[in-house]
C-alpha atoms as a PDB file:
ATOM      1  CA  UNK A   1      19.331  16.571 -26.107  1.00  0.00           C
ATOM      2  CA  UNK A   2      16.294  18.451 -24.810  1.00  0.00           C
ATOM      3  CA  UNK A   3      15.978  18.674 -21.067  1.00  0.00           C
ATOM      4  CA  UNK A   4      12.676  18.893 -19.205  1.00  0.00           C
ATOM      5  CA  UNK A   5      13.473  22.460 -18.170  1.00  0.00           C
ATOM      6  CA  UNK A   6      14.117  23.472 -21.805  1.00  0.00           C
ATOM      7  CA  UNK A   7      10.770  21.968 -22.759  1.00  0.00           C
ATOM      8  CA  UNK A   8       8.932  23.999 -20.106  1.00  0.00           C
ATOM      9  CA  UNK A   9      10.618  27.203 -21.286  1.00  0.00           C
ATOM     10  CA  UNK A  10       9.763  26.421 -24.916  1.00  0.00           C
ATOM     11  CA  UNK A  11       6.190  25.493 -24.041  1.00  0.00           C
ATOM     12  CA  UNK A  12       5.691  28.605 -21.949  1.00  0.00           C
ATOM     13  CA  UNK A  13       5.817  30.724 -25.099  1.00  0.00           C
ATOM     14  CA  UNK A  14       2.904  28.879 -26.727  1.00  0.00           C
ATOM     15  CA  UNK A  15      -0.852  28.871 -26.285  1.00  0.00           C
ATOM     16  CA  UNK A  16      -2.334  25.494 -25.462  1.00  0.00           C
ATOM     17  CA  UNK A  17      -5.833  24.431 -26.333  1.00  0.00           C
ATOM     18  CA  UNK A  18      -7.474  21.269 -25.120  1.00  0.00           C
ATOM     19  CA  UNK A  19     -10.253  19.256 -26.711  1.00  0.00           C
ATOM     20  CA  UNK A  20     -11.468  18.292 -23.259  1.00  0.00           C
ATOM     21  CA  UNK A  21     -10.760  18.997 -19.636  1.00  0.00           C
ATOM     22  CA  UNK A  22      -7.479  20.633 -18.714  1.00  0.00           C
ATOM     23  CA  UNK A  23      -4.582  18.265 -18.307  1.00  0.00           C
ATOM     24  CA  UNK A  24      -3.569  18.575 -14.676  1.00  0.00           C
ATOM     25  CA  UNK A  25       0.189  18.451 -15.187  1.00  0.00           C
ATOM     26  CA  UNK A  26       0.123  21.332 -17.640  1.00  0.00           C
ATOM     27  CA  UNK A  27      -2.534  23.177 -15.680  1.00  0.00           C
ATOM     28  CA  UNK A  28      -0.222  23.267 -12.650  1.00  0.00           C
ATOM     29  CA  UNK A  29       2.718  24.822 -14.480  1.00  0.00           C
ATOM     30  CA  UNK A  30       2.557  28.568 -13.920  1.00  0.00           C
ATOM     31  CA  UNK A  31       4.279  29.516 -17.168  1.00  0.00           C
ATOM     32  CA  UNK A  32       1.738  27.974 -19.520  1.00  0.00           C
ATOM     33  CA  UNK A  33      -1.170  29.744 -21.116  1.00  0.00           C
ATOM     34  CA  UNK A  34      -4.059  27.345 -21.675  1.00  0.00           C
ATOM     35  CA  UNK A  35      -7.661  27.446 -22.821  1.00  0.00           C
ATOM     36  CA  UNK A  36      -9.861  24.462 -21.965  1.00  0.00           C
ATOM     37  CA  UNK A  37     -12.782  22.682 -23.546  1.00  0.00           C
ATOM     38  CA  UNK A  38     -12.785  23.776 -27.152  1.00  0.00           C
ATOM     39  CA  UNK A  39     -15.715  22.820 -29.315  1.00  0.00           C
ATOM     40  CA  UNK A  40     -15.223  21.867 -32.940  1.00  0.00           C
ATOM     41  CA  UNK A  41     -16.679  25.238 -33.945  1.00  0.00           C
ATOM     42  CA  UNK A  42     -14.103  27.054 -31.788  1.00  0.00           C
ATOM     43  CA  UNK A  43     -11.332  24.861 -33.173  1.00  0.00           C
ATOM     44  CA  UNK A  44     -12.352  25.855 -36.717  1.00  0.00           C
ATOM     45  CA  UNK A  45     -11.572  29.496 -35.871  1.00  0.00           C
ATOM     46  CA  UNK A  46      -7.998  28.907 -34.685  1.00  0.00           C
ATOM     47  CA  UNK A  47      -4.992  29.760 -36.783  1.00  0.00           C
ATOM     48  CA  UNK A  48      -2.201  28.964 -34.313  1.00  0.00           C
ATOM     49  CA  UNK A  49      -1.460  27.154 -31.089  1.00  0.00           C
ATOM     50  CA  UNK A  50      -0.991  23.633 -29.832  1.00  0.00           C
ATOM     51  CA  UNK A  51      -4.024  21.399 -29.456  1.00  0.00           C
ATOM     52  CA  UNK A  52      -3.663  18.841 -26.680  1.00  0.00           C
ATOM     53  CA  UNK A  53      -5.600  15.650 -27.208  1.00  0.00           C
ATOM     54  CA  UNK A  54      -6.141  14.027 -23.846  1.00  0.00           C
ATOM     55  CA  UNK A  55      -5.934  10.318 -23.062  1.00  0.00           C
ATOM     56  CA  UNK A  56      -9.573   9.567 -23.990  1.00  0.00           C
ATOM     57  CA  UNK A  57      -8.834  10.529 -27.583  1.00  0.00           C
ATOM     58  CA  UNK A  58     -10.989  12.371 -30.104  1.00  0.00           C
ATOM     59  CA  UNK A  59     -12.700  11.618 -33.386  1.00  0.00           C
ATOM     60  CA  UNK A  60     -10.910  11.502 -36.714  1.00  0.00           C
ATOM     61  CA  UNK A  61     -12.411  14.864 -37.701  1.00  0.00           C
ATOM     62  CA  UNK A  62     -10.405  16.662 -34.980  1.00  0.00           C
ATOM     63  CA  UNK A  63      -7.100  15.441 -36.450  1.00  0.00           C
ATOM     64  CA  UNK A  64      -8.244  16.409 -39.938  1.00  0.00           C
ATOM     65  CA  UNK A  65      -9.330  19.840 -38.742  1.00  0.00           C
ATOM     66  CA  UNK A  66      -6.039  20.461 -36.945  1.00  0.00           C
ATOM     67  CA  UNK A  67      -4.115  19.472 -40.068  1.00  0.00           C
ATOM     68  CA  UNK A  68      -6.263  21.716 -42.267  1.00  0.00           C
ATOM     69  CA  UNK A  69      -5.816  24.651 -39.841  1.00  0.00           C
ATOM     70  CA  UNK A  70      -2.053  24.010 -39.562  1.00  0.00           C
ATOM     71  CA  UNK A  71      -2.341  23.539 -35.794  1.00  0.00           C
ATOM     72  CA  UNK A  72       0.276  21.613 -33.870  1.00  0.00           C
ATOM     73  CA  UNK A  73      -1.051  18.566 -32.032  1.00  0.00           C
ATOM     74  CA  UNK A  74       0.244  17.097 -28.791  1.00  0.00           C
ATOM     75  CA  UNK A  75      -1.509  13.727 -28.873  1.00  0.00           C
ATOM     76  CA  UNK A  76      -1.767  12.188 -25.412  1.00  0.00           C
ATOM     77  CA  UNK A  77      -4.243   9.510 -26.456  1.00  0.00           C
ATOM     78  CA  UNK A  78      -3.805   6.315 -24.445  1.00  0.00           C
ATOM     79  CA  UNK A  79      -2.211   3.572 -26.539  1.00  0.00           C
ATOM     80  CA  UNK A  80      -5.148   1.216 -25.809  1.00  0.00           C
ATOM     81  CA  UNK A  81      -7.598   3.869 -27.032  1.00  0.00           C
ATOM     82  CA  UNK A  82      -5.457   4.556 -30.107  1.00  0.00           C
ATOM     83  CA  UNK A  83      -5.474   0.827 -30.936  1.00  0.00           C
ATOM     84  CA  UNK A  84      -9.269   0.727 -30.602  1.00  0.00           C
ATOM     85  CA  UNK A  85      -9.573   3.819 -32.836  1.00  0.00           C
ATOM     86  CA  UNK A  86      -7.557   2.040 -35.537  1.00  0.00           C
ATOM     87  CA  UNK A  87      -9.766  -1.059 -35.271  1.00  0.00           C
ATOM     88  CA  UNK A  88     -12.995   0.998 -35.471  1.00  0.00           C
ATOM     89  CA  UNK A  89     -11.642   2.943 -38.459  1.00  0.00           C
ATOM     90  CA  UNK A  90     -10.530  -0.202 -40.286  1.00  0.00           C
ATOM     91  CA  UNK A  91     -13.693  -2.220 -39.638  1.00  0.00           C
ATOM     92  CA  UNK A  92     -15.954   0.710 -40.536  1.00  0.00           C
ATOM     93  CA  UNK A  93     -14.131   1.158 -43.857  1.00  0.00           C
ATOM     94  CA  UNK A  94     -14.690  -2.596 -44.451  1.00  0.00           C
ATOM     95  CA  UNK A  95     -18.425  -1.957 -44.110  1.00  0.00           C
ATOM     96  CA  UNK A  96     -18.810  -3.531 -40.676  1.00  0.00           C
ATOM     97  CA  UNK A  97     -21.376  -2.295 -38.162  1.00  0.00           C
ATOM     98  CA  UNK A  98     -19.704  -0.736 -35.133  1.00  0.00           C
ATOM     99  CA  UNK A  99     -21.115  -1.318 -31.636  1.00  0.00           C
ATOM    100  CA  UNK A 100     -19.706   0.554 -28.644  1.00  0.00           C
ATOM    101  CA  UNK A 101     -20.559  -0.356 -25.063  1.00  0.00           C
ATOM    102  CA  UNK A 102     -20.368   2.673 -22.778  1.00  0.00           C
ATOM    103  CA  UNK A 103     -21.991   5.933 -21.832  1.00  0.00           C
ATOM    104  CA  UNK A 104     -22.814   7.840 -25.027  1.00  0.00           C
ATOM    105  CA  UNK A 105     -21.494  11.151 -23.638  1.00  0.00           C
ATOM    106  CA  UNK A 106     -18.240   9.752 -22.225  1.00  0.00           C
ATOM    107  CA  UNK A 107     -15.296  11.395 -24.062  1.00  0.00           C
ATOM    108  CA  UNK A 108     -13.758   8.060 -25.038  1.00  0.00           C
ATOM    109  CA  UNK A 109     -17.050   6.818 -26.528  1.00  0.00           C
ATOM    110  CA  UNK A 110     -17.590  10.120 -28.347  1.00  0.00           C
ATOM    111  CA  UNK A 111     -14.059   9.911 -29.741  1.00  0.00           C
ATOM    112  CA  UNK A 112     -14.392   6.271 -30.855  1.00  0.00           C
ATOM    113  CA  UNK A 113     -17.699   7.035 -32.539  1.00  0.00           C
ATOM    114  CA  UNK A 114     -15.883   9.768 -34.445  1.00  0.00           C
ATOM    115  CA  UNK A 115     -13.780   7.101 -36.172  1.00  0.00           C
ATOM    116  CA  UNK A 116     -16.893   5.654 -37.851  1.00  0.00           C
ATOM    117  CA  UNK A 117     -18.632   8.894 -38.894  1.00  0.00           C
ATOM    118  CA  UNK A 118     -20.679   8.814 -35.664  1.00  0.00           C
ATOM    119  CA  UNK A 119     -22.643   5.834 -36.979  1.00  0.00           C
ATOM    120  CA  UNK A 120     -21.890   3.363 -34.178  1.00  0.00           C
ATOM    121  CA  UNK A 121     -24.622   1.805 -32.106  1.00  0.00           C
ATOM    122  CA  UNK A 122     -23.859   2.869 -28.529  1.00  0.00           C
ATOM    123  CA  UNK A 123     -25.268   0.867 -25.635  1.00  0.00           C
ATOM    124  CA  UNK A 124     -24.898   1.805 -21.984  1.00  0.00           C
ATOM    125  CA  UNK A 125     -27.061  -0.984 -20.536  1.00  0.00           C
ATOM    126  CA  UNK A 126     -28.783  -4.202 -21.486  1.00  0.00           C
ATOM    127  CA  UNK A 127     -32.060  -2.230 -21.618  1.00  0.00           C
ATOM    128  CA  UNK A 128     -30.913  -0.084 -24.556  1.00  0.00           C
ATOM    129  CA  UNK A 129     -32.483  -0.878 -27.910  1.00  0.00           C
ATOM    130  CA  UNK A 130     -31.572  -0.298 -31.545  1.00  0.00           C
END
């Protein structure tokens, strides 16, 4: 059985990389080494470490890139977001048009759009147009 203290000791020997803002819990632990806000281009250069996916989730390409680079992933994606990612992925593969309501630059919207090859129509207000 792994105890929380054992986990902190084990984690303290690793480098953590986040595909977004730092996760506050990990940021407040003195023993952890962490780099924040990696771009896809920076992620492509990594050969080791743990990539933390925060609750807003990321696009499918990030998972594929981490797998191809043999990077460990600590996926903290919210279960509601994960469910929506699966729906977007499934419906897009069925040939459906994907519409996302939200701010185009919001991390959750960016991530969801990544599950349909960034081809979703994103609307942030009723004034937006195709």
